[in-house]
Structure formats: C-alpha cells, structure tokens
Amino acid sequence: MSLIEVEHLRKEFPEAIPLVDVCATVEAGDVISIIEPSGTGKSTLLRCLNRLEEPTPAASWWTGRTLPTRHAT
C-alpha cells in the first residue's frame, strides 16, 4: 500500500522553479532520504507535501486521495 504518491508536482516562485515534474511513491515500511545540494528544492518538496507551500497546479496524493488545500476545514 502506498503511503505517499506524488505525481507531476511543480512549484514556481517568481525568481526560481525548484520543483519540476516531481514523481515519487513511498510504500509502507520504506525508509527514504532526500539528498541533494543546497538550493535544489528539498525543503520546498516537504513544505508542499505538508501544505505549508501551495504547489503550482499539480497532482499531489496521500494514500490515494488528493491532499486537502491549506484552507480546508
């Protein structure tokens, strides 16, 4: 069972585009790490997944359901 599925995630800022077409699947029991140089979008990816940042129109999924927007009640 997939715990996290991300498809075509994109995040744009006026001065940079740190995430372009990010796709990933994390299964139950997986242990992962995100290792890249400074400024490549690691924190932006995590912020988009937990909705501290709103992704630029993209498909983001959590356990098969679309993640709620930051404004969901």
PDB file of N, CA and C in Angstrom:
ATOM      1  N   MET A   1       0.843  -1.182   0.000  1.00  0.00           N
ATOM      2  CA  MET A   1       0.000   0.000   0.000  1.00  0.00           C
ATOM      3  C   MET A   1       0.890   1.248   0.000  1.00  0.00           C
ATOM      4  N   SER A   2       0.627   2.157  -0.889  1.00  0.00           N
ATOM      5  CA  SER A   2       1.375   3.411  -0.954  1.00  0.00           C
ATOM      6  C   SER A   2       0.901   4.361   0.130  1.00  0.00           C
ATOM      7  N   LEU A   3       1.856   4.902   0.879  1.00  0.00           N
ATOM      8  CA  LEU A   3       1.521   5.921   1.869  1.00  0.00           C
ATOM      9  C   LEU A   3       1.552   7.306   1.249  1.00  0.00           C
ATOM     10  N   ILE A   4       2.520   7.525   0.375  1.00  0.00           N
ATOM     11  CA  ILE A   4       2.637   8.812  -0.306  1.00  0.00           C
ATOM     12  C   ILE A   4       2.850   8.550  -1.784  1.00  0.00           C
ATOM     13  N   GLU A   5       2.039   9.180  -2.604  1.00  0.00           N
ATOM     14  CA  GLU A   5       2.222   9.150  -4.052  1.00  0.00           C
ATOM     15  C   GLU A   5       2.186  10.593  -4.545  1.00  0.00           C
ATOM     16  N   VAL A   6       3.230  10.988  -5.214  1.00  0.00           N
ATOM     17  CA  VAL A   6       3.317  12.337  -5.766  1.00  0.00           C
ATOM     18  C   VAL A   6       3.455  12.197  -7.272  1.00  0.00           C
ATOM     19  N   GLU A   7       2.634  12.910  -7.997  1.00  0.00           N
ATOM     20  CA  GLU A   7       2.671  12.848  -9.457  1.00  0.00           C
ATOM     21  C   GLU A   7       2.696  14.264 -10.021  1.00  0.00           C
ATOM     22  N   HIS A   8       3.743  14.563 -10.770  1.00  0.00           N
ATOM     23  CA  HIS A   8       3.856  15.816 -11.525  1.00  0.00           C
ATOM     24  C   HIS A   8       3.792  17.064 -10.648  1.00  0.00           C
ATOM     25  N   LEU A   9       4.413  16.977  -9.483  1.00  0.00           N
ATOM     26  CA  LEU A   9       4.451  18.122  -8.570  1.00  0.00           C
ATOM     27  C   LEU A   9       5.363  19.201  -9.138  1.00  0.00           C
ATOM     28  N   ARG A  10       4.897  20.423  -9.095  1.00  0.00           N
ATOM     29  CA  ARG A  10       5.655  21.567  -9.598  1.00  0.00           C
ATOM     30  C   ARG A  10       5.463  22.730  -8.632  1.00  0.00           C
ATOM     31  N   LYS A  11       6.526  23.453  -8.372  1.00  0.00           N
ATOM     32  CA  LYS A  11       6.433  24.656  -7.546  1.00  0.00           C
ATOM     33  C   LYS A  11       7.258  25.745  -8.212  1.00  0.00           C
ATOM     34  N   GLU A  12       6.611  26.866  -8.464  1.00  0.00           N
ATOM     35  CA  GLU A  12       7.265  28.015  -9.093  1.00  0.00           C
ATOM     36  C   GLU A  12       7.231  29.202  -8.147  1.00  0.00           C
ATOM     37  N   PHE A  13       8.344  29.902  -8.096  1.00  0.00           N
ATOM     38  CA  PHE A  13       8.438  31.187  -7.427  1.00  0.00           C
ATOM     39  C   PHE A  13       8.810  32.200  -8.506  1.00  0.00           C
ATOM     40  N   PRO A  14       8.598  33.479  -8.274  1.00  0.00           N
ATOM     41  CA  PRO A  14       8.960  34.466  -9.302  1.00  0.00           C
ATOM     42  C   PRO A  14      10.428  34.395  -9.727  1.00  0.00           C
ATOM     43  N   GLU A  15      11.320  34.077  -8.787  1.00  0.00           N
ATOM     44  CA  GLU A  15      12.744  34.076  -9.093  1.00  0.00           C
ATOM     45  C   GLU A  15      13.329  32.692  -9.380  1.00  0.00           C
ATOM     46  N   ALA A  16      12.552  31.621  -9.180  1.00  0.00           N
ATOM     47  CA  ALA A  16      13.097  30.268  -9.373  1.00  0.00           C
ATOM     48  C   ALA A  16      11.984  29.246  -9.512  1.00  0.00           C
ATOM     49  N   ILE A  17      12.326  28.102 -10.092  1.00  0.00           N
ATOM     50  CA  ILE A  17      11.413  26.955 -10.181  1.00  0.00           C
ATOM     51  C   ILE A  17      12.151  25.760  -9.564  1.00  0.00           C
ATOM     52  N   PRO A  18      12.000  25.547  -8.231  1.00  0.00           N
ATOM     53  CA  PRO A  18      12.761  24.490  -7.578  1.00  0.00           C
ATOM     54  C   PRO A  18      12.248  23.070  -7.855  1.00  0.00           C
ATOM     55  N   LEU A  19      10.967  22.921  -8.159  1.00  0.00           N
ATOM     56  CA  LEU A  19      10.403  21.589  -8.394  1.00  0.00           C
ATOM     57  C   LEU A  19       9.737  21.554  -9.759  1.00  0.00           C
ATOM     58  N   VAL A  20      10.172  20.614 -10.598  1.00  0.00           N
ATOM     59  CA  VAL A  20       9.616  20.469 -11.941  1.00  0.00           C
ATOM     60  C   VAL A  20       9.301  18.993 -12.162  1.00  0.00           C
ATOM     61  N   ASP A  21       8.025  18.646 -12.273  1.00  0.00           N
ATOM     62  CA  ASP A  21       7.581  17.285 -12.599  1.00  0.00           C
ATOM     63  C   ASP A  21       8.153  16.239 -11.644  1.00  0.00           C
ATOM     64  N   VAL A  22       7.980  16.460 -10.336  1.00  0.00           N
ATOM     65  CA  VAL A  22       8.457  15.516  -9.323  1.00  0.00           C
ATOM     66  C   VAL A  22       7.429  14.398  -9.176  1.00  0.00           C
ATOM     67  N   CYS A  23       7.897  13.169  -9.293  1.00  0.00           N
ATOM     68  CA  CYS A  23       7.059  11.992  -9.107  1.00  0.00           C
ATOM     69  C   CYS A  23       7.752  11.056  -8.130  1.00  0.00           C
ATOM     70  N   ALA A  24       7.007  10.530  -7.156  1.00  0.00           N
ATOM     71  CA  ALA A  24       7.591   9.611  -6.184  1.00  0.00           C
ATOM     72  C   ALA A  24       6.491   8.785  -5.540  1.00  0.00           C
ATOM     73  N   THR A  25       6.857   7.596  -5.110  1.00  0.00           N
ATOM     74  CA  THR A  25       5.956   6.733  -4.355  1.00  0.00           C
ATOM     75  C   THR A  25       6.701   6.215  -3.136  1.00  0.00           C
ATOM     76  N   VAL A  26       6.071   6.313  -1.978  1.00  0.00           N
ATOM     77  CA  VAL A  26       6.632   5.788  -0.742  1.00  0.00           C
ATOM     78  C   VAL A  26       5.659   4.746  -0.224  1.00  0.00           C
ATOM     79  N   GLU A  27       6.151   3.528  -0.097  1.00  0.00           N
ATOM     80  CA  GLU A  27       5.325   2.416   0.379  1.00  0.00           C
ATOM     81  C   GLU A  27       5.449   2.277   1.894  1.00  0.00           C
ATOM     82  N   ALA A  28       4.470   1.633   2.520  1.00  0.00           N
ATOM     83  CA  ALA A  28       4.537   1.352   3.948  1.00  0.00           C
ATOM     84  C   ALA A  28       5.819   0.579   4.241  1.00  0.00           C
ATOM     85  N   GLY A  29       6.558   1.002   5.250  1.00  0.00           N
ATOM     86  CA  GLY A  29       7.798   0.339   5.632  1.00  0.00           C
ATOM     87  C   GLY A  29       9.042   0.871   4.940  1.00  0.00           C
ATOM     88  N   ASP A  30       8.882   1.712   3.918  1.00  0.00           N
ATOM     89  CA  ASP A  30      10.039   2.301   3.236  1.00  0.00           C
ATOM     90  C   ASP A  30      10.751   3.288   4.153  1.00  0.00           C
ATOM     91  N   VAL A  31      12.051   3.318   4.042  1.00  0.00           N
ATOM     92  CA  VAL A  31      12.866   4.327   4.705  1.00  0.00           C
ATOM     93  C   VAL A  31      13.562   5.086   3.582  1.00  0.00           C
ATOM     94  N   ILE A  32      13.353   6.388   3.536  1.00  0.00           N
ATOM     95  CA  ILE A  32      13.922   7.181   2.439  1.00  0.00           C
ATOM     96  C   ILE A  32      14.708   8.355   2.992  1.00  0.00           C
ATOM     97  N   SER A  33      15.558   8.911   2.162  1.00  0.00           N
ATOM     98  CA  SER A  33      16.210  10.176   2.472  1.00  0.00           C
ATOM     99  C   SER A  33      16.266  10.988   1.185  1.00  0.00           C
ATOM    100  N   ILE A  34      16.294  12.287   1.349  1.00  0.00           N
ATOM    101  CA  ILE A  34      16.370  13.194   0.210  1.00  0.00           C
ATOM    102  C   ILE A  34      17.709  13.901   0.325  1.00  0.00           C
ATOM    103  N   ILE A  35      18.613  13.600  -0.596  1.00  0.00           N
ATOM    104  CA  ILE A  35      19.967  14.136  -0.539  1.00  0.00           C
ATOM    105  C   ILE A  35      20.263  14.851  -1.851  1.00  0.00           C
ATOM    106  N   GLU A  36      20.478  16.127  -1.782  1.00  0.00           N
ATOM    107  CA  GLU A  36      20.830  16.961  -2.935  1.00  0.00           C
ATOM    108  C   GLU A  36      21.574  18.177  -2.413  1.00  0.00           C
ATOM    109  N   PRO A  37      22.263  18.899  -3.272  1.00  0.00           N
ATOM    110  CA  PRO A  37      22.952  20.115  -2.835  1.00  0.00           C
ATOM    111  C   PRO A  37      21.973  21.179  -2.331  1.00  0.00           C
ATOM    112  N   SER A  38      22.505  22.120  -1.606  1.00  0.00           N
ATOM    113  CA  SER A  38      21.726  23.243  -1.104  1.00  0.00           C
ATOM    114  C   SER A  38      21.050  23.977  -2.256  1.00  0.00           C
ATOM    115  N   GLY A  39      19.779  24.342  -2.043  1.00  0.00           N
ATOM    116  CA  GLY A  39      19.066  25.144  -3.035  1.00  0.00           C
ATOM    117  C   GLY A  39      18.407  24.356  -4.152  1.00  0.00           C
ATOM    118  N   THR A  40      18.299  23.033  -4.007  1.00  0.00           N
ATOM    119  CA  THR A  40      17.720  22.218  -5.086  1.00  0.00           C
ATOM    120  C   THR A  40      16.254  21.862  -4.871  1.00  0.00           C
ATOM    121  N   GLY A  41      15.639  22.285  -3.760  1.00  0.00           N
ATOM    122  CA  GLY A  41      14.203  22.085  -3.579  1.00  0.00           C
ATOM    123  C   GLY A  41      13.794  21.045  -2.557  1.00  0.00           C
ATOM    124  N   LYS A  42      14.706  20.536  -1.745  1.00  0.00           N
ATOM    125  CA  LYS A  42      14.350  19.520  -0.743  1.00  0.00           C
ATOM    126  C   LYS A  42      13.308  20.044   0.241  1.00  0.00           C
ATOM    127  N   SER A  43      13.584  21.187   0.819  1.00  0.00           N
ATOM    128  CA  SER A  43      12.648  21.765   1.791  1.00  0.00           C
ATOM    129  C   SER A  43      11.347  22.179   1.116  1.00  0.00           C
ATOM    130  N   THR A  44      11.431  22.677  -0.094  1.00  0.00           N
ATOM    131  CA  THR A  44      10.225  23.052  -0.835  1.00  0.00           C
ATOM    132  C   THR A  44       9.347  21.831  -1.074  1.00  0.00           C
ATOM    133  N   LEU A  45       9.945  20.697  -1.405  1.00  0.00           N
ATOM    134  CA  LEU A  45       9.181  19.457  -1.593  1.00  0.00           C
ATOM    135  C   LEU A  45       8.431  19.102  -0.311  1.00  0.00           C
ATOM    136  N   LEU A  46       9.127  19.097   0.808  1.00  0.00           N
ATOM    137  CA  LEU A  46       8.487  18.748   2.076  1.00  0.00           C
ATOM    138  C   LEU A  46       7.420  19.768   2.455  1.00  0.00           C
ATOM    139  N   ARG A  47       7.677  21.033   2.207  1.00  0.00           N
ATOM    140  CA  ARG A  47       6.689  22.069   2.510  1.00  0.00           C
ATOM    141  C   ARG A  47       5.438  21.922   1.634  1.00  0.00           C
ATOM    142  N   CYS A  48       5.609  21.509   0.394  1.00  0.00           N
ATOM    143  CA  CYS A  48       4.448  21.268  -0.478  1.00  0.00           C
ATOM    144  C   CYS A  48       3.660  20.049  -0.004  1.00  0.00           C
ATOM    145  N   LEU A  49       4.346  19.006   0.407  1.00  0.00           N
ATOM    146  CA  LEU A  49       3.651  17.798   0.861  1.00  0.00           C
ATOM    147  C   LEU A  49       2.838  18.049   2.121  1.00  0.00           C
ATOM    148  N   ASN A  50       3.341  18.883   3.021  1.00  0.00           N
ATOM    149  CA  ASN A  50       2.567  19.143   4.235  1.00  0.00           C
ATOM    150  C   ASN A  50       1.760  20.443   4.149  1.00  0.00           C
ATOM    151  N   ARG A  51       1.696  21.002   2.955  1.00  0.00           N
ATOM    152  CA  ARG A  51       0.859  22.154   2.594  1.00  0.00           C
ATOM    153  C   ARG A  51       1.243  23.455   3.294  1.00  0.00           C
ATOM    154  N   LEU A  52       2.507  23.584   3.678  1.00  0.00           N
ATOM    155  CA  LEU A  52       2.991  24.886   4.125  1.00  0.00           C
ATOM    156  C   LEU A  52       3.234  25.786   2.932  1.00  0.00           C
ATOM    157  N   GLU A  53       3.463  25.182   1.779  1.00  0.00           N
ATOM    158  CA  GLU A  53       3.538  25.866   0.487  1.00  0.00           C
ATOM    159  C   GLU A  53       2.469  25.264  -0.404  1.00  0.00           C
ATOM    160  N   GLU A  54       1.817  26.081  -1.173  1.00  0.00           N
ATOM    161  CA  GLU A  54       0.826  25.592  -2.131  1.00  0.00           C
ATOM    162  C   GLU A  54       1.544  25.249  -3.439  1.00  0.00           C
ATOM    163  N   PRO A  55       1.467  23.992  -3.885  1.00  0.00           N
ATOM    164  CA  PRO A  55       2.125  23.651  -5.156  1.00  0.00           C
ATOM    165  C   PRO A  55       1.517  24.434  -6.314  1.00  0.00           C
ATOM    166  N   THR A  56       2.334  24.714  -7.297  1.00  0.00           N
ATOM    167  CA  THR A  56       1.825  25.242  -8.554  1.00  0.00           C
ATOM    168  C   THR A  56       0.971  24.116  -9.132  1.00  0.00           C
ATOM    169  N   PRO A  57      -0.126  24.403  -9.822  1.00  0.00           N
ATOM    170  CA  PRO A  57      -1.049  23.333 -10.223  1.00  0.00           C
ATOM    171  C   PRO A  57      -0.347  22.022 -10.564  1.00  0.00           C
ATOM    172  N   ALA A  58      -0.710  21.000  -9.799  1.00  0.00           N
ATOM    173  CA  ALA A  58      -0.075  19.683  -9.914  1.00  0.00           C
ATOM    174  C   ALA A  58      -0.976  18.643  -9.273  1.00  0.00           C
ATOM    175  N   ALA A  59      -0.629  17.396  -9.450  1.00  0.00           N
ATOM    176  CA  ALA A  59      -1.348  16.318  -8.784  1.00  0.00           C
ATOM    177  C   ALA A  59      -0.504  15.838  -7.624  1.00  0.00           C
ATOM    178  N   SER A  60      -1.012  15.991  -6.408  1.00  0.00           N
ATOM    179  CA  SER A  60      -0.321  15.507  -5.214  1.00  0.00           C
ATOM    180  C   SER A  60      -1.266  14.557  -4.503  1.00  0.00           C
ATOM    181  N   TRP A  61      -0.747  13.425  -4.079  1.00  0.00           N
ATOM    182  CA  TRP A  61      -1.618  12.409  -3.487  1.00  0.00           C
ATOM    183  C   TRP A  61      -1.059  11.914  -2.170  1.00  0.00           C
ATOM    184  N   TRP A  62      -1.937  11.562  -1.276  1.00  0.00           N
ATOM    185  CA  TRP A  62      -1.586  10.958   0.007  1.00  0.00           C
ATOM    186  C   TRP A  62      -2.551   9.810   0.225  1.00  0.00           C
ATOM    187  N   THR A  63      -2.073   8.623   0.357  1.00  0.00           N
ATOM    188  CA  THR A  63      -2.874   7.404   0.496  1.00  0.00           C
ATOM    189  C   THR A  63      -4.029   7.348  -0.512  1.00  0.00           C
ATOM    190  N   GLY A  64      -3.721   7.704  -1.746  1.00  0.00           N
ATOM    191  CA  GLY A  64      -4.706   7.578  -2.807  1.00  0.00           C
ATOM    192  C   GLY A  64      -5.724   8.688  -2.893  1.00  0.00           C
ATOM    193  N   ARG A  65      -5.654   9.659  -2.006  1.00  0.00           N
ATOM    194  CA  ARG A  65      -6.610  10.771  -2.033  1.00  0.00           C
ATOM    195  C   ARG A  65      -5.858  12.060  -2.303  1.00  0.00           C
ATOM    196  N   THR A  66      -6.492  12.997  -2.948  1.00  0.00           N
ATOM    197  CA  THR A  66      -5.872  14.300  -3.180  1.00  0.00           C
ATOM    198  C   THR A  66      -5.677  14.987  -1.837  1.00  0.00           C
ATOM    199  N   LEU A  67      -4.516  15.582  -1.644  1.00  0.00           N
ATOM    200  CA  LEU A  67      -4.268  16.303  -0.411  1.00  0.00           C
ATOM    201  C   LEU A  67      -5.189  17.504  -0.319  1.00  0.00           C
ATOM    202  N   PRO A  68      -5.692  17.799   0.886  1.00  0.00           N
ATOM    203  CA  PRO A  68      -6.553  18.977   1.019  1.00  0.00           C
ATOM    204  C   PRO A  68      -5.760  20.240   0.832  1.00  0.00           C
ATOM    205  N   THR A  69      -6.460  21.314   0.467  1.00  0.00           N
ATOM    206  CA  THR A  69      -5.796  22.609   0.378  1.00  0.00           C
ATOM    207  C   THR A  69      -5.554  23.133   1.774  1.00  0.00           C
ATOM    208  N   ARG A  70      -4.731  24.145   1.883  1.00  0.00           N
ATOM    209  CA  ARG A  70      -4.440  24.741   3.197  1.00  0.00           C
ATOM    210  C   ARG A  70      -5.686  25.318   3.825  1.00  0.00           C
ATOM    211  N   HIS A  71      -6.674  25.652   3.011  1.00  0.00           N
ATOM    212  CA  HIS A  71      -7.864  26.336   3.516  1.00  0.00           C
ATOM    213  C   HIS A  71      -9.001  25.381   3.849  1.00  0.00           C
ATOM    214  N   ALA A  72      -8.743  24.058   3.801  1.00  0.00           N
ATOM    215  CA  ALA A  72      -9.800  23.085   4.102  1.00  0.00           C
ATOM    216  C   ALA A  72     -10.175  23.171   5.583  1.00  0.00           C
ATOM    217  N   THR A  73     -11.446  22.884   5.878  1.00  0.00           N
ATOM    218  CA  THR A  73     -11.889  22.918   7.275  1.00  0.00           C
ATOM    219  C   THR A  73     -12.007  21.528   7.825  1.00  0.00           C
TER     220      THR A  73
END
